[in-house]
N, C-alpha and C. Protein backbone atom coordinates (compact mmCIF):
# COMPACT_ATOMS: atom_id res chain seq x y z
N MET A 1 22.99 -98.28 154.78
CA MET A 1 22.96 -99.28 154.63
C MET A 1 23.07 -99.42 153.26
N THR A 2 23.73 -100.38 152.73
CA THR A 2 24.28 -100.57 151.41
C THR A 2 22.67 -101.20 150.49
N ARG A 3 22.79 -101.04 149.34
CA ARG A 3 21.72 -101.31 148.65
C ARG A 3 21.45 -102.85 148.64
N PHE A 4 22.76 -103.31 148.98
CA PHE A 4 23.01 -104.99 148.34
C PHE A 4 21.79 -105.75 149.78
N ARG A 5 22.09 -105.18 151.03
CA ARG A 5 21.13 -105.29 152.35
C ARG A 5 19.75 -104.94 152.10
N ALA A 6 19.73 -103.86 151.71
CA ALA A 6 18.65 -102.88 151.69
C ALA A 6 17.27 -104.06 150.50
N LEU A 7 18.05 -104.65 149.28
CA LEU A 7 17.22 -105.41 148.24
C LEU A 7 17.16 -106.53 148.99
N ARG A 8 17.79 -107.18 149.76
CA ARG A 8 17.28 -108.47 150.33
C ARG A 8 16.66 -108.35 151.56
N LEU A 9 16.75 -107.47 152.35
CA LEU A 9 15.56 -107.30 153.07
C LEU A 9 14.38 -106.91 152.42
N LYS A 10 14.28 -105.81 151.37
CA LYS A 10 13.11 -105.78 150.65
C LYS A 10 12.76 -107.35 149.86
N SER A 11 13.26 -108.33 149.77
CA SER A 11 12.83 -109.37 148.92
C SER A 11 12.39 -110.31 150.30
N GLY A 12 12.70 -109.89 151.31
CA GLY A 12 12.33 -111.04 152.80
C GLY A 12 12.72 -112.02 152.85
N LEU A 13 14.58 -112.03 152.67
CA LEU A 13 14.91 -113.12 152.73
C LEU A 13 16.04 -113.17 153.88
N SER A 14 16.34 -113.53 154.60
CA SER A 14 17.51 -113.73 156.01
C SER A 14 18.91 -113.53 154.61
N GLN A 15 19.66 -113.53 155.70
CA GLN A 15 21.18 -113.53 154.65
C GLN A 15 21.47 -114.84 154.20
N THR A 16 21.02 -116.04 155.43
CA THR A 16 21.15 -117.57 154.91
C THR A 16 20.75 -118.18 153.81
N GLU A 17 19.27 -117.42 153.79
CA GLU A 17 18.60 -118.06 152.77
C GLU A 17 19.06 -117.43 151.44
N PHE A 18 19.26 -116.22 151.45
CA PHE A 18 19.90 -115.34 150.20
C PHE A 18 21.02 -116.15 149.72
N ARG A 19 22.10 -116.62 150.49
CA ARG A 19 23.81 -116.74 150.15
C ARG A 19 23.08 -117.94 149.36
N ARG A 20 22.22 -118.87 149.90
CA ARG A 20 21.64 -120.26 149.51
C ARG A 20 21.33 -120.48 148.31
N GLN A 21 20.57 -119.26 147.78
CA GLN A 21 19.57 -119.44 146.68
C GLN A 21 20.49 -118.25 145.65
N TYR A 22 21.64 -117.58 146.61
CA TYR A 22 22.86 -117.14 145.39
C TYR A 22 23.30 -118.06 144.83
N ASN A 23 24.39 -118.60 145.56
CA ASN A 23 25.08 -119.59 145.79
C ASN A 23 25.01 -121.13 144.80
N GLU A 24 23.33 -121.22 144.60
CA GLU A 24 22.73 -122.55 144.05
C GLU A 24 22.70 -122.23 142.46
N ARG A 25 21.76 -120.96 142.49
CA ARG A 25 21.45 -120.15 141.05
C ARG A 25 22.91 -120.24 139.81
N TYR A 26 23.39 -119.10 140.66
CA TYR A 26 24.59 -118.90 140.12
C TYR A 26 26.04 -119.68 140.12
N ASN A 27 26.11 -120.87 141.03
CA ASN A 27 27.24 -121.77 140.91
C ASN A 27 28.17 -120.78 141.46
N ARG A 28 27.92 -120.46 142.49
CA ARG A 28 29.17 -119.37 143.87
C ARG A 28 29.23 -120.50 144.65
N SER A 29 30.02 -120.24 145.44
CA SER A 29 30.29 -120.03 146.71
C SER A 29 30.58 -119.11 147.73
N TYR A 30 29.81 -117.97 147.98
CA TYR A 30 30.23 -117.17 149.10
C TYR A 30 29.84 -117.50 150.00
N THR A 31 30.55 -117.11 151.18
CA THR A 31 30.41 -117.20 152.82
C THR A 31 29.47 -116.54 153.31
N ALA A 32 29.02 -117.13 154.32
CA ALA A 32 28.23 -115.68 155.42
C ALA A 32 29.05 -114.93 155.58
N ALA A 33 30.10 -114.92 155.75
CA ALA A 33 30.70 -113.72 156.13
C ALA A 33 31.00 -112.66 154.49
N ALA A 34 31.16 -113.41 153.83
CA ALA A 34 31.58 -112.68 152.64
C ALA A 34 30.15 -111.62 152.14
N ILE A 35 29.23 -112.07 152.38
CA ILE A 35 28.03 -111.57 152.23
C ILE A 35 27.27 -110.44 153.27
N SER A 36 27.67 -110.59 154.49
CA SER A 36 27.74 -109.62 155.28
C SER A 36 28.78 -108.41 155.01
N GLN A 37 29.72 -109.08 154.69
CA GLN A 37 31.20 -107.62 154.19
C GLN A 37 30.69 -106.67 153.27
N ILE A 38 29.92 -107.83 152.40
CA ILE A 38 29.20 -107.09 151.15
C ILE A 38 28.24 -105.80 151.19
N GLU A 39 27.50 -106.44 152.04
CA GLU A 39 25.92 -105.54 152.58
C GLU A 39 26.39 -105.02 153.47
N HIS A 40 27.84 -104.84 154.48
CA HIS A 40 28.06 -103.47 155.30
C HIS A 40 28.72 -103.06 154.43
N GLY A 41 29.13 -102.58 152.78
CA GLY A 41 29.91 -101.92 151.94
C GLY A 41 31.96 -102.13 152.51
N LYS A 42 32.14 -103.13 153.40
CA LYS A 42 33.48 -103.33 153.26
C LYS A 42 33.99 -104.33 152.55
N ARG A 43 33.42 -104.94 151.40
CA ARG A 43 34.18 -105.76 150.27
C ARG A 43 33.04 -105.45 149.27
N MET A 44 33.72 -105.68 148.05
CA MET A 44 32.80 -105.70 146.70
C MET A 44 32.88 -107.02 146.00
N PRO A 45 32.19 -107.07 145.48
CA PRO A 45 32.25 -108.23 144.67
C PRO A 45 32.58 -108.07 143.46
N GLU A 46 33.27 -109.45 142.89
CA GLU A 46 33.97 -109.08 141.41
C GLU A 46 33.13 -109.08 140.66
N LEU A 47 33.47 -108.50 139.29
CA LEU A 47 32.59 -108.06 138.14
C LEU A 47 31.32 -108.93 137.71
N GLY A 48 31.58 -110.39 137.68
CA GLY A 48 30.64 -111.73 137.17
C GLY A 48 29.81 -111.71 138.11
N ALA A 49 30.77 -111.69 139.71
CA ALA A 49 28.98 -111.45 140.96
C ALA A 49 28.34 -110.52 141.06
N LEU A 50 28.70 -109.23 140.53
CA LEU A 50 28.36 -107.85 140.83
C LEU A 50 26.67 -108.30 139.53
N ARG A 51 27.12 -108.67 138.49
CA ARG A 51 26.56 -108.99 137.23
C ARG A 51 24.61 -109.99 138.29
N ASP A 52 25.59 -110.81 138.94
CA ASP A 52 24.59 -112.07 139.24
C ASP A 52 24.03 -111.73 140.40
N PHE A 53 24.28 -110.23 140.90
CA PHE A 53 23.90 -110.21 142.28
C PHE A 53 22.40 -108.92 141.58
N ALA A 54 22.64 -108.07 140.49
CA ALA A 54 21.82 -107.47 139.92
C ALA A 54 20.86 -108.25 139.32
N ASP A 55 21.46 -109.52 138.61
CA ASP A 55 20.16 -110.19 137.85
C ASP A 55 19.21 -110.71 139.14
N PHE A 56 19.80 -111.11 140.39
CA PHE A 56 19.02 -111.76 141.60
C PHE A 56 17.88 -111.47 142.13
N TYR A 57 18.38 -109.85 141.56
CA TYR A 57 17.37 -108.77 142.29
C TYR A 57 16.37 -108.06 141.18
N GLY A 58 16.66 -107.98 139.85
CA GLY A 58 16.15 -107.45 138.72
C GLY A 58 15.99 -106.53 138.77
N VAL A 59 17.64 -105.93 139.09
CA VAL A 59 17.70 -104.49 138.98
C VAL A 59 19.01 -103.98 138.16
N SER A 60 19.50 -102.87 137.76
CA SER A 60 20.86 -102.75 137.30
C SER A 60 22.02 -102.62 137.87
N VAL A 61 23.06 -103.06 137.58
CA VAL A 61 24.46 -102.97 138.28
C VAL A 61 24.86 -101.13 138.50
N ASP A 62 24.67 -100.71 137.74
CA ASP A 62 24.23 -99.39 138.27
C ASP A 62 23.53 -98.79 139.30
N TYR A 63 22.75 -99.00 139.44
CA TYR A 63 21.28 -99.08 141.25
C TYR A 63 22.36 -99.97 141.77
N LEU A 64 22.76 -101.16 142.09
CA LEU A 64 23.73 -101.59 143.03
C LEU A 64 24.72 -100.78 143.49
N LEU A 65 25.36 -100.02 142.61
CA LEU A 65 26.74 -99.42 142.61
C LEU A 65 26.52 -98.13 143.30
N GLY A 66 25.24 -97.60 143.04
CA GLY A 66 24.81 -95.99 143.81
C GLY A 66 24.36 -95.24 142.74
N GLN A 67 24.99 -95.57 141.25
CA GLN A 67 24.94 -94.23 140.13
C GLN A 67 23.57 -94.46 139.29
N GLN A 68 22.88 -94.94 140.00
CA GLN A 68 20.96 -94.47 139.61
C GLN A 68 20.68 -94.84 140.54
N ASP A 69 19.66 -93.90 140.49
CA ASP A 69 18.39 -93.75 141.87
C ASP A 69 17.01 -94.74 141.32
N ASP A 70 16.47 -95.31 140.33
CA ASP A 70 15.83 -95.98 139.96
C ASP A 70 15.82 -97.55 140.22
N ASP A 71 15.37 -98.36 140.90
CA ASP A 71 15.57 -99.82 140.74
C ASP A 71 14.87 -100.95 140.18
N LYS A 72 14.13 -100.25 139.07
CA LYS A 72 13.29 -101.05 138.03
C LYS A 72 14.23 -100.94 136.83
N LEU A 73 14.05 -102.23 136.13
CA LEU A 73 14.77 -102.20 134.71
C LEU A 73 13.23 -101.97 133.86
N GLU A 74 13.58 -101.89 132.61
CA GLU A 74 12.50 -101.85 131.92
C GLU A 74 12.21 -102.75 131.61
N GLU A 75 12.79 -103.96 130.96
CA GLU A 75 12.82 -104.97 130.65
C GLU A 75 13.75 -106.11 130.62
N PRO A 76 13.42 -107.48 131.09
CA PRO A 76 14.76 -108.16 131.11
C PRO A 76 15.56 -108.02 130.16
N ALA A 77 17.03 -107.87 130.86
CA ALA A 77 18.22 -107.73 129.63
C ALA A 77 18.35 -108.98 128.43
N GLY A 78 17.75 -110.12 128.39
CA GLY A 78 17.53 -111.19 127.31
C GLY A 78 16.81 -110.82 126.41
N ARG A 79 15.27 -110.75 126.84
CA ARG A 79 14.58 -109.81 126.09
C ARG A 79 14.51 -108.58 125.27
N GLN A 80 15.39 -107.43 125.83
CA GLN A 80 15.72 -106.15 125.55
C GLN A 80 16.88 -106.41 124.16
N ILE A 81 18.15 -107.83 124.64
CA ILE A 81 19.00 -107.64 123.70
C ILE A 81 18.28 -108.39 122.49
N SER A 82 17.37 -109.56 122.33
CA SER A 82 16.48 -110.08 121.18
C SER A 82 16.03 -109.28 120.62
N ALA A 83 14.95 -108.16 121.10
CA ALA A 83 14.57 -107.57 120.49
C ALA A 83 14.97 -106.50 119.41
N ARG A 84 16.57 -105.86 120.03
CA ARG A 84 17.34 -104.63 118.94
C ARG A 84 17.78 -106.11 117.85
N LEU A 85 18.33 -107.14 118.44
CA LEU A 85 18.50 -107.93 117.63
C LEU A 85 17.95 -108.14 116.28
N LYS A 86 16.30 -108.74 116.45
CA LYS A 86 15.71 -108.66 115.66
C LYS A 86 15.05 -107.17 114.57
N ASN A 87 15.64 -106.41 115.24
CA ASN A 87 15.24 -105.01 114.42
C ASN A 87 16.38 -104.47 113.65
N LEU A 88 17.63 -104.93 114.08
CA LEU A 88 18.80 -104.88 113.08
C LEU A 88 18.65 -106.00 111.94
N VAL A 89 18.07 -106.87 112.65
CA VAL A 89 18.00 -108.41 110.99
C VAL A 89 17.35 -107.67 109.99
N GLU A 90 16.13 -107.14 110.75
CA GLU A 90 15.13 -106.35 109.80
C GLU A 90 15.45 -105.08 108.85
N GLN A 91 16.38 -104.05 109.08
CA GLN A 91 16.99 -103.25 108.76
C GLN A 91 17.80 -103.39 107.79
N LEU A 92 18.34 -104.46 107.88
CA LEU A 92 19.58 -104.88 106.81
C LEU A 92 19.15 -104.75 105.44
N PRO A 93 19.90 -104.40 104.34
CA PRO A 93 19.25 -104.14 102.96
C PRO A 93 19.22 -105.28 102.60
N LYS A 94 18.58 -105.85 101.41
CA LYS A 94 18.82 -107.08 101.03
C LYS A 94 20.15 -107.33 100.04
N GLU A 95 20.23 -108.54 100.42
CA GLU A 95 21.32 -108.74 99.06
C GLU A 95 21.27 -108.63 97.79
N ASN A 96 19.99 -108.72 97.02
CA ASN A 96 19.77 -108.65 96.02
C ASN A 96 19.52 -107.34 95.38
N GLN A 97 19.59 -106.09 96.04
CA GLN A 97 19.35 -104.64 95.54
C GLN A 97 20.11 -104.43 94.58
N ALA A 98 19.84 -103.56 93.70
CA ALA A 98 20.57 -103.57 92.51
C ALA A 98 21.88 -102.25 93.04
N GLY A 99 22.86 -102.00 91.99
CA GLY A 99 23.67 -101.48 92.35
C GLY A 99 25.03 -101.74 93.15
N MET A 100 24.13 -102.95 93.98
CA MET A 100 25.80 -103.62 95.23
C MET A 100 26.47 -104.89 94.61
N ASP A 101 27.82 -104.30 94.73
CA ASP A 101 28.89 -105.32 94.44
C ASP A 101 28.68 -106.44 95.19
N ASP A 102 29.50 -107.48 94.67
CA ASP A 102 29.27 -108.80 95.38
C ASP A 102 29.99 -108.81 96.31
N GLU A 103 31.03 -108.34 96.82
CA GLU A 103 31.84 -108.23 98.36
C GLU A 103 30.55 -107.81 99.53
N VAL A 104 29.51 -106.49 98.85
CA VAL A 104 28.84 -105.76 99.80
C VAL A 104 27.73 -106.70 100.29
N LYS A 105 27.01 -107.65 99.34
CA LYS A 105 26.02 -108.71 98.87
C LYS A 105 26.90 -109.98 100.34
N GLU A 106 27.94 -110.38 99.64
CA GLU A 106 28.20 -111.31 100.44
C GLU A 106 28.45 -110.71 102.41
N ASN A 107 29.46 -109.70 102.72
CA ASN A 107 29.10 -108.86 103.81
C ASN A 107 27.66 -108.90 104.31
N ILE A 108 26.99 -108.64 103.64
CA ILE A 108 25.52 -108.35 104.49
C ILE A 108 24.93 -109.60 104.79
N GLY A 109 25.04 -110.78 103.91
CA GLY A 109 24.80 -112.43 103.88
C GLY A 109 25.49 -112.56 105.38
N ILE A 110 26.80 -112.38 105.67
CA ILE A 110 27.49 -113.00 106.64
C ILE A 110 26.93 -112.43 107.84
N LEU A 111 26.93 -111.20 107.72
CA LEU A 111 25.92 -110.54 108.99
C LEU A 111 24.80 -110.82 109.19
N ARG A 112 23.98 -111.30 108.34
CA ARG A 112 22.67 -111.59 108.62
C ARG A 112 22.64 -113.01 109.24
N ASN A 113 23.65 -113.67 108.76
CA ASN A 113 23.68 -114.85 109.55
C ASN A 113 24.06 -115.05 110.65
N LEU A 114 24.94 -114.04 111.15
CA LEU A 114 25.83 -113.68 112.58
C LEU A 114 24.72 -113.37 113.62
N LEU A 115 23.73 -112.21 112.90
CA LEU A 115 22.74 -111.83 114.14
C LEU A 115 21.91 -112.60 114.37
N HIS A 116 21.50 -113.63 113.07
CA HIS A 116 20.32 -114.54 113.29
C HIS A 116 21.04 -115.86 114.24
N GLN A 117 22.18 -115.96 114.39
CA GLN A 117 22.97 -116.96 115.65
C GLN A 117 22.58 -115.92 117.08
N SER A 118 23.04 -114.98 116.40
CA SER A 118 23.13 -114.25 117.67
C SER A 118 21.46 -113.81 118.47
N LEU A 119 20.61 -114.07 117.45
CA LEU A 119 19.25 -113.80 117.82
C LEU A 119 18.92 -115.11 118.65
N ILE A 120 19.06 -116.67 118.01
CA ILE A 120 18.86 -117.88 118.31
C ILE A 120 19.34 -117.61 119.90
N LEU A 121 20.67 -117.32 120.30
CA LEU A 121 21.25 -117.24 121.47
C LEU A 121 20.31 -116.45 122.45
N ALA A 122 20.10 -115.41 122.33
CA ALA A 122 19.73 -114.43 123.06
C ALA A 122 17.87 -114.93 123.83
N ARG A 123 17.35 -115.89 122.26
CA ARG A 123 16.12 -116.31 123.22
C ARG A 123 16.56 -117.55 123.77
N ARG A 124 17.51 -118.24 123.78
CA ARG A 124 18.15 -119.21 124.53
C ARG A 124 18.03 -118.97 126.25
N VAL A 125 18.86 -117.72 126.22
CA VAL A 125 19.08 -117.06 127.71
C VAL A 125 17.85 -116.78 128.00
N GLU A 126 17.12 -115.99 127.59
CA GLU A 126 15.84 -115.45 127.77
C GLU A 126 14.84 -116.75 128.12
N LYS A 127 14.60 -117.82 127.62
CA LYS A 127 14.14 -118.97 127.83
C LYS A 127 14.80 -120.05 129.54
N ASP A 128 15.93 -119.70 129.10
CA ASP A 128 16.94 -120.76 130.81
C ASP A 128 16.95 -119.80 131.65
N GLU A 129 17.14 -118.15 131.45
CA GLU A 129 16.55 -117.09 132.56
C GLU A 129 18.38 -117.28 133.23
N LYS A 130 19.25 -117.39 131.84
CA LYS A 130 20.71 -117.68 132.64
C LYS A 130 21.33 -115.73 132.41
N SER A 131 22.29 -115.79 132.95
CA SER A 131 23.48 -114.75 132.81
C SER A 131 23.84 -115.01 131.28
N TRP A 132 24.13 -113.57 131.04
CA TRP A 132 24.98 -113.45 129.58
C TRP A 132 26.41 -114.43 129.25
N PHE A 133 27.01 -114.02 130.41
CA PHE A 133 28.56 -114.41 130.49
C PHE A 133 28.40 -115.86 130.80
N ARG A 134 27.64 -116.48 131.04
CA ARG A 134 27.81 -117.63 131.20
C ARG A 134 28.04 -118.20 130.04
N TYR A 135 27.41 -117.61 128.73
CA TYR A 135 27.86 -118.53 127.32
C TYR A 135 29.06 -118.21 127.03
């Protein structure tokens, strides 16, 4: 039994109900035959769909592919990314430190702004519970 099928059964969904929810949530158009082929290891979804499957079940892509035994994620990907971005922003040196030339100050300011914008996007993704590649 593939992990795709095992996760669906564990979630208590019929194949029809899973397909409906999955297609609706991720704007996909998988047929019953395609889902059956994936669950029986006769077909592998493309990368974007694979990420969506992992997101749907709350597992990693590595787990779905059998490269990881633990099906638990430490924390949702969006929150993990926003926390890392926040730490990066906080670790940046201040632009007004003595001994920095103007170009270094400017580069740090640009980097700070880019990280700040990325943090805003990460928080939006967390709030909307959407996959990253949709943005």
